[in-house]
Structure formats: C-alpha cells, structure tokens
Amino acid sequence: MEIQTMLLDIINPYILLGIGVVLIGLEAVIASFILIWFGLGFIITAILSMYFDFSDGIWQLGVVAIISMSFILLFRKRVLEKFLSSEKNINDNFLEEGGYGEIKNQKVFFKGTYWEIDGSLDANKFKEGQKVIVKKTFKNFAFIEHIKETV
C-alpha cells in the first residue's frame, strides 16, 4: 500500500507578494480587519521565500496561515478598538435633556409630549399655562421646578 503525499510547487515570492498587496487593498474596501492580516502573512512569507528555500508550496501556505492567525489573535482586537472607537461619547437621547415646558391640563407639555408631573410635587401649585423648567424626564414623568422670576 502506497501513501500519496500532496505536493504543491513552490510559489514564486512575487506571486505571494502580489496576493498580499491585493488582500490589503481589498481590506480598504471591505473594512473587516481580517484580510489585512492575511495580506501581511503573504507579504512576510514572500520576503521569507526570497531568502529561505521552502521544500514545497504547502509549507509556504502553512507559514502564511500561522503568521496570519497569530496576527489576528494578537492585534485584531486592539486595532478594532483603535479605529472604531469614538473619542467622544455622544448622548443622543433628546428626551433626557432638560429645557422649558408648560403646564397644560395638570400635565407638563414638553418637546411635543404630555408628561405627568413628578409625584414628589403638588400638581395644584402649578397654574394652567405656567412656564416651568424641566430638569429631566424619566419614563412617563417630568421632574420640574418653578421658574425663578428676576426683577
């Protein structure tokens, strides 16, 4: 019984270099942060192939796989955090912001919505049409206070 081994001709280093450059170029279009590591693996293997004689192409592809997977495990998370994180944390919930409201039908009319007056306040202390400061809104309640009149 004869065992067959699969042999692949040695891949030209310039072909490996070209594959690496193409993968890095595709990364710029796709932005998956996966192809760049395989591109770097091909480029490093191409440089190694120029100075070290591999016995066949399987070893070259194995080196590409080892280098690429090592780069993915070591650097992908850090690179994603660096490039995809924002310097500012933008809070875009406009309902939680304060502002001015108006008392209508024993409720606070604020940003186009009627809100219940916070239970810690007596709703009878506010007059119909009175302007109030809305400190914040939470669930169905508006936390309000009287506008201090200046003379």
N, C-alpha and C. Protein backbone atom coordinates (compact mmCIF):
# COMPACT_ATOMS: atom_id res chain seq x y z
N MET A 1 0.84 -1.18 0.00
CA MET A 1 0.00 0.00 0.00
C MET A 1 0.89 1.24 0.00
N GLU A 2 0.66 2.08 -0.95
CA GLU A 2 1.49 3.26 -1.13
C GLU A 2 0.76 4.49 -0.61
N ILE A 3 1.45 5.30 0.15
CA ILE A 3 0.88 6.54 0.70
C ILE A 3 1.24 7.67 -0.26
N GLN A 4 0.22 8.38 -0.66
CA GLN A 4 0.46 9.51 -1.55
C GLN A 4 0.54 10.78 -0.72
N THR A 5 1.48 11.60 -1.04
CA THR A 5 1.58 12.90 -0.39
C THR A 5 1.25 13.98 -1.41
N MET A 6 0.60 14.97 -0.93
CA MET A 6 0.22 16.05 -1.83
C MET A 6 1.35 17.06 -1.87
N LEU A 7 1.87 17.32 -3.01
CA LEU A 7 2.92 18.29 -3.19
C LEU A 7 2.39 19.44 -4.04
N LEU A 8 2.82 20.59 -3.68
CA LEU A 8 2.44 21.80 -4.41
C LEU A 8 3.74 22.47 -4.80
N ASP A 9 3.83 22.86 -6.04
CA ASP A 9 5.05 23.52 -6.48
C ASP A 9 5.30 24.76 -5.63
N ILE A 10 6.57 25.09 -5.51
CA ILE A 10 6.95 26.28 -4.75
C ILE A 10 6.33 27.50 -5.43
N ILE A 11 5.72 28.33 -4.61
CA ILE A 11 5.04 29.53 -5.14
C ILE A 11 6.07 30.64 -5.24
N ASN A 12 6.09 31.29 -6.39
CA ASN A 12 7.00 32.40 -6.63
C ASN A 12 6.77 33.49 -5.58
N PRO A 13 7.84 34.01 -4.98
CA PRO A 13 7.68 35.05 -3.95
C PRO A 13 6.93 36.29 -4.45
N TYR A 14 7.09 36.61 -5.73
CA TYR A 14 6.39 37.78 -6.27
C TYR A 14 4.89 37.54 -6.37
N ILE A 15 4.50 36.30 -6.59
CA ILE A 15 3.07 35.97 -6.59
C ILE A 15 2.53 36.10 -5.17
N LEU A 16 3.27 35.62 -4.18
CA LEU A 16 2.86 35.77 -2.78
C LEU A 16 2.75 37.25 -2.42
N LEU A 17 3.72 38.03 -2.86
CA LEU A 17 3.70 39.47 -2.60
C LEU A 17 2.48 40.13 -3.25
N GLY A 18 2.18 39.73 -4.47
CA GLY A 18 1.01 40.28 -5.17
C GLY A 18 -0.29 39.92 -4.47
N ILE A 19 -0.40 38.68 -4.01
CA ILE A 19 -1.61 38.26 -3.29
C ILE A 19 -1.76 39.09 -2.01
N GLY A 20 -0.64 39.30 -1.32
CA GLY A 20 -0.69 40.10 -0.09
C GLY A 20 -1.14 41.53 -0.34
N VAL A 21 -0.61 42.14 -1.38
CA VAL A 21 -1.00 43.52 -1.71
C VAL A 21 -2.48 43.59 -2.10
N VAL A 22 -2.95 42.62 -2.87
CA VAL A 22 -4.36 42.59 -3.27
C VAL A 22 -5.26 42.44 -2.04
N LEU A 23 -4.89 41.56 -1.11
CA LEU A 23 -5.70 41.38 0.11
C LEU A 23 -5.75 42.64 0.95
N ILE A 24 -4.62 43.32 1.07
CA ILE A 24 -4.61 44.58 1.82
C ILE A 24 -5.44 45.63 1.11
N GLY A 25 -5.39 45.65 -0.22
CA GLY A 25 -6.24 46.57 -0.98
C GLY A 25 -7.72 46.27 -0.81
N LEU A 26 -8.08 45.00 -0.78
CA LEU A 26 -9.47 44.62 -0.54
C LEU A 26 -9.92 45.01 0.86
N GLU A 27 -9.01 44.95 1.80
CA GLU A 27 -9.33 45.34 3.17
C GLU A 27 -9.76 46.80 3.23
N ALA A 28 -9.16 47.63 2.42
CA ALA A 28 -9.53 49.04 2.39
C ALA A 28 -10.97 49.23 1.92
N VAL A 29 -11.46 48.31 1.09
CA VAL A 29 -12.83 48.40 0.58
C VAL A 29 -13.81 47.73 1.54
N ILE A 30 -13.44 46.58 2.07
CA ILE A 30 -14.36 45.79 2.89
C ILE A 30 -14.34 46.21 4.35
N ALA A 31 -13.18 46.58 4.89
CA ALA A 31 -13.00 47.01 6.29
C ALA A 31 -13.48 45.97 7.29
N SER A 32 -13.05 44.72 7.10
CA SER A 32 -13.42 43.66 8.02
C SER A 32 -12.33 43.42 9.07
N PHE A 33 -11.15 43.99 8.86
CA PHE A 33 -9.98 43.80 9.70
C PHE A 33 -9.59 42.33 9.82
N ILE A 34 -9.83 41.58 8.75
CA ILE A 34 -9.38 40.19 8.65
C ILE A 34 -8.41 40.06 7.48
N LEU A 35 -8.77 40.60 6.34
CA LEU A 35 -7.94 40.45 5.14
C LEU A 35 -6.57 41.08 5.29
N ILE A 36 -6.48 42.15 6.05
CA ILE A 36 -5.18 42.82 6.20
C ILE A 36 -4.16 41.88 6.84
N TRP A 37 -4.62 41.05 7.77
CA TRP A 37 -3.69 40.14 8.45
C TRP A 37 -3.23 39.03 7.51
N PHE A 38 -4.13 38.54 6.67
CA PHE A 38 -3.72 37.54 5.69
C PHE A 38 -2.80 38.18 4.64
N GLY A 39 -3.08 39.43 4.27
CA GLY A 39 -2.21 40.14 3.35
C GLY A 39 -0.80 40.29 3.92
N LEU A 40 -0.73 40.65 5.19
CA LEU A 40 0.59 40.76 5.83
C LEU A 40 1.27 39.39 5.92
N GLY A 41 0.50 38.35 6.18
CA GLY A 41 1.06 36.99 6.21
C GLY A 41 1.68 36.61 4.86
N PHE A 42 0.97 36.94 3.78
CA PHE A 42 1.51 36.65 2.44
C PHE A 42 2.76 37.48 2.16
N ILE A 43 2.76 38.73 2.55
CA ILE A 43 3.93 39.59 2.29
C ILE A 43 5.14 39.10 3.08
N ILE A 44 4.95 38.76 4.35
CA ILE A 44 6.07 38.27 5.16
C ILE A 44 6.59 36.94 4.61
N THR A 45 5.67 36.07 4.19
CA THR A 45 6.08 34.79 3.61
C THR A 45 6.82 35.02 2.29
N ALA A 46 6.41 36.01 1.52
CA ALA A 46 7.11 36.33 0.27
C ALA A 46 8.54 36.77 0.56
N ILE A 47 8.72 37.59 1.59
CA ILE A 47 10.07 38.03 1.96
C ILE A 47 10.90 36.85 2.45
N LEU A 48 10.28 35.98 3.27
CA LEU A 48 10.99 34.78 3.72
C LEU A 48 11.36 33.88 2.54
N SER A 49 10.47 33.78 1.55
CA SER A 49 10.72 32.91 0.39
C SER A 49 11.88 33.41 -0.46
N MET A 50 12.15 34.70 -0.40
CA MET A 50 13.28 35.24 -1.16
C MET A 50 14.61 34.83 -0.55
N TYR A 51 14.64 34.60 0.76
CA TYR A 51 15.89 34.30 1.44
C TYR A 51 15.99 32.85 1.93
N PHE A 52 14.85 32.15 2.01
CA PHE A 52 14.83 30.79 2.52
C PHE A 52 14.14 29.91 1.50
N ASP A 53 14.73 28.78 1.17
CA ASP A 53 14.14 27.88 0.19
C ASP A 53 13.17 26.93 0.88
N PHE A 54 11.89 27.05 0.54
CA PHE A 54 10.88 26.12 1.05
C PHE A 54 10.91 24.86 0.19
N SER A 55 10.56 23.72 0.79
CA SER A 55 10.58 22.47 0.03
C SER A 55 9.41 22.35 -0.93
N ASP A 56 8.26 22.92 -0.56
CA ASP A 56 7.13 22.96 -1.49
C ASP A 56 6.15 24.08 -1.06
N GLY A 57 5.12 24.26 -1.85
CA GLY A 57 4.16 25.35 -1.63
C GLY A 57 3.28 25.15 -0.41
N ILE A 58 3.11 23.89 0.01
CA ILE A 58 2.31 23.63 1.21
C ILE A 58 2.94 24.31 2.42
N TRP A 59 4.27 24.23 2.52
CA TRP A 59 4.95 24.88 3.64
C TRP A 59 4.80 26.39 3.57
N GLN A 60 4.82 26.94 2.39
CA GLN A 60 4.63 28.38 2.25
C GLN A 60 3.23 28.78 2.73
N LEU A 61 2.23 28.04 2.29
CA LEU A 61 0.86 28.36 2.71
C LEU A 61 0.67 28.12 4.21
N GLY A 62 1.37 27.13 4.75
CA GLY A 62 1.31 26.90 6.19
C GLY A 62 1.90 28.07 6.97
N VAL A 63 3.01 28.59 6.48
CA VAL A 63 3.62 29.75 7.13
C VAL A 63 2.69 30.96 7.04
N VAL A 64 2.06 31.14 5.89
CA VAL A 64 1.08 32.22 5.74
C VAL A 64 -0.03 32.08 6.78
N ALA A 65 -0.55 30.87 6.93
CA ALA A 65 -1.64 30.63 7.87
C ALA A 65 -1.21 30.89 9.31
N ILE A 66 -0.04 30.42 9.68
CA ILE A 66 0.44 30.61 11.05
C ILE A 66 0.67 32.09 11.35
N ILE A 67 1.32 32.79 10.45
CA ILE A 67 1.57 34.23 10.65
C ILE A 67 0.26 35.00 10.71
N SER A 68 -0.64 34.72 9.78
CA SER A 68 -1.91 35.44 9.72
C SER A 68 -2.76 35.21 10.96
N MET A 69 -2.88 33.96 11.38
CA MET A 69 -3.68 33.66 12.57
C MET A 69 -3.05 34.26 13.83
N SER A 70 -1.74 34.26 13.89
CA SER A 70 -1.06 34.89 15.03
C SER A 70 -1.36 36.38 15.07
N PHE A 71 -1.28 37.04 13.93
CA PHE A 71 -1.59 38.47 13.87
C PHE A 71 -3.04 38.73 14.26
N ILE A 72 -3.95 37.90 13.78
CA ILE A 72 -5.36 38.09 14.12
C ILE A 72 -5.57 37.97 15.62
N LEU A 73 -5.00 36.95 16.22
CA LEU A 73 -5.17 36.74 17.66
C LEU A 73 -4.50 37.83 18.49
N LEU A 74 -3.36 38.32 18.04
CA LEU A 74 -2.61 39.30 18.81
C LEU A 74 -3.07 40.74 18.60
N PHE A 75 -3.43 41.10 17.37
CA PHE A 75 -3.61 42.52 17.07
C PHE A 75 -5.01 42.95 16.65
N ARG A 76 -5.88 42.05 16.22
CA ARG A 76 -7.16 42.47 15.65
C ARG A 76 -8.00 43.26 16.65
N LYS A 77 -8.11 42.78 17.88
CA LYS A 77 -8.94 43.45 18.88
C LYS A 77 -8.42 44.85 19.17
N ARG A 78 -7.12 44.98 19.30
CA ARG A 78 -6.52 46.30 19.57
C ARG A 78 -6.76 47.26 18.41
N VAL A 79 -6.61 46.77 17.20
CA VAL A 79 -6.79 47.63 16.03
C VAL A 79 -8.26 48.05 15.91
N LEU A 80 -9.18 47.12 16.16
CA LEU A 80 -10.60 47.47 16.11
C LEU A 80 -10.92 48.54 17.14
N GLU A 81 -10.41 48.40 18.36
CA GLU A 81 -10.66 49.41 19.39
C GLU A 81 -10.07 50.75 18.99
N LYS A 82 -8.92 50.74 18.37
CA LYS A 82 -8.25 51.99 17.98
C LYS A 82 -9.01 52.70 16.87
N PHE A 83 -9.42 51.98 15.84
CA PHE A 83 -10.01 52.60 14.67
C PHE A 83 -11.52 52.78 14.76
N LEU A 84 -12.20 51.93 15.51
CA LEU A 84 -13.65 52.00 15.53
C LEU A 84 -14.22 52.66 16.78
N SER A 85 -13.37 53.09 17.71
CA SER A 85 -13.89 53.75 18.90
C SER A 85 -13.91 55.25 18.68
N SER A 86 -14.85 55.89 19.32
CA SER A 86 -15.01 57.33 19.19
C SER A 86 -14.32 58.02 20.35
N GLU A 87 -13.73 59.18 20.08
CA GLU A 87 -13.11 59.94 21.15
C GLU A 87 -14.16 60.54 22.08
N LYS A 88 -15.30 60.89 21.52
CA LYS A 88 -16.37 61.48 22.32
C LYS A 88 -17.49 60.47 22.47
N ASN A 89 -18.10 60.47 23.63
CA ASN A 89 -19.29 59.66 23.84
C ASN A 89 -20.48 60.57 23.60
N ILE A 90 -21.19 60.36 22.52
CA ILE A 90 -22.29 61.23 22.15
C ILE A 90 -23.58 60.67 22.72
N ASN A 91 -24.24 61.48 23.55
CA ASN A 91 -25.52 61.10 24.12
C ASN A 91 -26.60 61.74 23.27
N ASP A 92 -27.31 60.94 22.53
CA ASP A 92 -28.27 61.46 21.57
C ASP A 92 -29.71 61.24 22.02
N ASN A 93 -29.94 61.06 23.31
CA ASN A 93 -31.29 60.85 23.80
C ASN A 93 -31.86 62.20 24.18
N PHE A 94 -32.55 62.85 23.26
CA PHE A 94 -33.02 64.20 23.48
C PHE A 94 -34.12 64.28 24.53
N LEU A 95 -34.78 63.18 24.86
CA LEU A 95 -35.84 63.21 25.86
C LEU A 95 -35.29 63.32 27.28
N GLU A 96 -34.06 62.93 27.51
CA GLU A 96 -33.50 63.01 28.85
C GLU A 96 -32.91 64.38 29.15
N GLU A 97 -32.87 65.25 28.17
CA GLU A 97 -32.34 66.57 28.37
C GLU A 97 -33.41 67.48 28.96
N GLY A 98 -32.96 68.48 29.66
CA GLY A 98 -33.90 69.44 30.25
C GLY A 98 -34.26 70.54 29.28
N GLY A 99 -35.08 71.46 29.78
CA GLY A 99 -35.50 72.59 28.97
C GLY A 99 -36.69 73.27 29.61
N TYR A 100 -37.44 73.99 28.81
CA TYR A 100 -38.62 74.69 29.30
C TYR A 100 -39.88 73.98 28.85
N GLY A 101 -40.84 73.89 29.76
CA GLY A 101 -42.13 73.29 29.45
C GLY A 101 -43.26 74.19 29.92
N GLU A 102 -44.47 73.71 29.70
CA GLU A 102 -45.65 74.48 30.07
C GLU A 102 -46.68 73.55 30.69
N ILE A 103 -47.38 74.05 31.70
CA ILE A 103 -48.41 73.27 32.36
C ILE A 103 -49.69 73.37 31.53
N LYS A 104 -50.21 72.21 31.13
CA LYS A 104 -51.47 72.14 30.38
C LYS A 104 -52.24 70.94 30.90
N ASN A 105 -53.48 71.16 31.34
CA ASN A 105 -54.35 70.08 31.82
C ASN A 105 -53.69 69.26 32.94
N GLN A 106 -53.05 69.93 33.89
CA GLN A 106 -52.39 69.29 35.03
C GLN A 106 -51.26 68.35 34.60
N LYS A 107 -50.70 68.62 33.42
CA LYS A 107 -49.56 67.85 32.92
C LYS A 107 -48.53 68.84 32.40
N VAL A 108 -47.33 68.34 32.17
CA VAL A 108 -46.27 69.18 31.62
C VAL A 108 -46.18 68.90 30.13
N PHE A 109 -46.33 69.97 29.34
CA PHE A 109 -46.16 69.85 27.90
C PHE A 109 -44.72 70.22 27.58
N PHE A 110 -43.95 69.21 27.12
CA PHE A 110 -42.52 69.38 26.91
C PHE A 110 -42.09 68.57 25.69
N LYS A 111 -41.46 69.24 24.74
CA LYS A 111 -40.98 68.61 23.50
C LYS A 111 -42.08 67.84 22.78
N GLY A 112 -43.24 68.44 22.71
CA GLY A 112 -44.34 67.86 21.95
C GLY A 112 -45.06 66.71 22.61
N THR A 113 -44.81 66.47 23.90
CA THR A 113 -45.40 65.34 24.60
C THR A 113 -45.92 65.81 25.95
N TYR A 114 -47.02 65.22 26.40
CA TYR A 114 -47.54 65.49 27.73
C TYR A 114 -46.92 64.51 28.72
N TRP A 115 -46.36 65.05 29.80
CA TRP A 115 -45.71 64.26 30.83
C TRP A 115 -46.45 64.45 32.15
N GLU A 116 -46.50 63.40 32.96
CA GLU A 116 -47.06 63.52 34.30
C GLU A 116 -46.10 64.33 35.15
N ILE A 117 -46.66 65.13 36.06
CA ILE A 117 -45.81 65.88 36.98
C ILE A 117 -45.26 64.91 38.02
N ASP A 118 -43.98 65.07 38.32
CA ASP A 118 -43.32 64.20 39.30
C ASP A 118 -44.14 64.11 40.58
N GLY A 119 -44.29 62.91 41.11
CA GLY A 119 -45.14 62.66 42.28
C GLY A 119 -44.69 63.35 43.54
N SER A 120 -43.44 63.80 43.62
CA SER A 120 -42.97 64.48 44.82
C SER A 120 -43.46 65.93 44.90
N LEU A 121 -44.04 66.43 43.82
CA LEU A 121 -44.56 67.80 43.78
C LEU A 121 -46.07 67.79 43.80
N ASP A 122 -46.65 68.85 44.33
CA ASP A 122 -48.10 69.01 44.34
C ASP A 122 -48.50 69.67 43.03
N ALA A 123 -49.26 68.97 42.21
CA ALA A 123 -49.66 69.49 40.90
C ALA A 123 -50.55 70.72 41.02
N ASN A 124 -51.23 70.89 42.14
CA ASN A 124 -52.11 72.05 42.32
C ASN A 124 -51.35 73.34 42.52
N LYS A 125 -50.05 73.30 42.80
CA LYS A 125 -49.24 74.51 42.98
C LYS A 125 -48.91 75.16 41.64
N PHE A 126 -49.16 74.45 40.57
CA PHE A 126 -48.85 74.98 39.25
C PHE A 126 -50.15 75.42 38.57
N LYS A 127 -50.10 76.57 37.91
CA LYS A 127 -51.29 77.12 37.26
C LYS A 127 -51.28 76.74 35.78
N GLU A 128 -52.44 76.69 35.20
CA GLU A 128 -52.60 76.40 33.77
C GLU A 128 -51.84 77.45 32.95
N GLY A 129 -51.02 76.99 32.00
CA GLY A 129 -50.26 77.88 31.12
C GLY A 129 -48.96 78.37 31.74
N GLN A 130 -48.65 77.98 32.98
CA GLN A 130 -47.43 78.42 33.64
C GLN A 130 -46.22 77.76 33.00
N LYS A 131 -45.17 78.55 32.81
CA LYS A 131 -43.92 78.02 32.27
C LYS A 131 -43.10 77.44 33.41
N VAL A 132 -42.47 76.30 33.17
CA VAL A 132 -41.66 75.62 34.17
C VAL A 132 -40.35 75.17 33.55
N ILE A 133 -39.39 74.89 34.42
CA ILE A 133 -38.12 74.31 33.96
C ILE A 133 -38.21 72.81 34.13
N VAL A 134 -37.97 72.09 33.06
CA VAL A 134 -37.95 70.63 33.11
C VAL A 134 -36.50 70.22 33.30
N LYS A 135 -36.20 69.63 34.47
CA LYS A 135 -34.82 69.20 34.75
C LYS A 135 -34.48 67.94 33.98
N LYS A 136 -35.42 66.99 33.98
CA LYS A 136 -35.23 65.77 33.21
C LYS A 136 -36.56 65.05 33.11
N THR A 137 -36.62 64.08 32.23
CA THR A 137 -37.79 63.22 32.09
C THR A 137 -37.34 61.79 32.29
N PHE A 138 -38.22 61.01 32.90
CA PHE A 138 -37.91 59.60 33.10
C PHE A 138 -39.21 58.84 33.07
N LYS A 139 -39.23 57.83 32.21
CA LYS A 139 -40.44 57.05 31.95
C LYS A 139 -41.55 58.02 31.56
N ASN A 140 -42.61 58.12 32.33
CA ASN A 140 -43.73 58.99 31.95
C ASN A 140 -43.78 60.26 32.79
N PHE A 141 -42.72 60.54 33.56
CA PHE A 141 -42.74 61.66 34.49
C PHE A 141 -41.73 62.72 34.10
N ALA A 142 -42.11 63.98 34.37
CA ALA A 142 -41.22 65.11 34.17
C ALA A 142 -40.85 65.67 35.54
N PHE A 143 -39.58 65.85 35.78
CA PHE A 143 -39.10 66.43 37.02
C PHE A 143 -38.93 67.92 36.75
N ILE A 144 -39.74 68.72 37.40
CA ILE A 144 -39.82 70.14 37.07
C ILE A 144 -39.57 71.01 38.30
N GLU A 145 -39.39 72.31 38.03
CA GLU A 145 -39.31 73.29 39.11
C GLU A 145 -39.83 74.62 38.57
N HIS A 146 -40.22 75.49 39.50
CA HIS A 146 -40.73 76.81 39.13
C HIS A 146 -39.61 77.62 38.50
N ILE A 147 -40.00 78.49 37.59
CA ILE A 147 -39.03 79.45 37.02
C ILE A 147 -38.91 80.59 38.01
N LYS A 148 -37.68 80.87 38.41
CA LYS A 148 -37.44 81.97 39.34
C LYS A 148 -37.48 83.27 38.55
N GLU A 149 -38.35 84.15 38.97
CA GLU A 149 -38.50 85.42 38.26
C GLU A 149 -37.45 86.40 38.75
N THR A 150 -36.80 87.04 37.80
CA THR A 150 -35.81 88.05 38.16
C THR A 150 -36.42 89.42 37.93
N VAL A 151 -36.05 90.38 38.76
CA VAL A 151 -36.60 91.74 38.68
C VAL A 151 -35.65 92.65 37.99
